[in-house]
Amino acid sequence: MTDHQPDTTPQPDGGAVPEGSVPLTDHVKAGPGGAMTDEVGVITGDVTLTTEAGPDGRASVRVQYTGAEEWYTLTGSPARLSPGGLAAFHKQVVEAVKAGGAAEVPATTS
């Protein structure tokens, strides 16, 4: 089940949200093989994903076990935003994590 909502909570890295940018957050179950993080490798099960656009046209993706305090960088983040913008990019990330297979941030094309 996906629970998509704009997130106005403080960011995982403690940084400020760029003006006009609202992070997107979803709660999903990672598919078989989970999601690959830079810090701890693969995480599995119920996770929360947050995608935030930066001022440089790239998006940062963080993931955590749902309900945990620690956030991790999804491997491949930050990445250039897809042509459809932040919402389309976030949807691609959500679908990749739901598919599992040590999911990373999907490659985008300009």
Foldseek 3Di string as FASTA:
>chain_A
DKDKDFDPDQDLVNDDAPPPKTKIKIWDFFAPQAAQFPPPGGDGGIKMWIWIADPVQWIWIWMDRPPDSHITGGPPPGAHAAPVPDVVQVVQQRVQRNNHPNGGRDHHDD
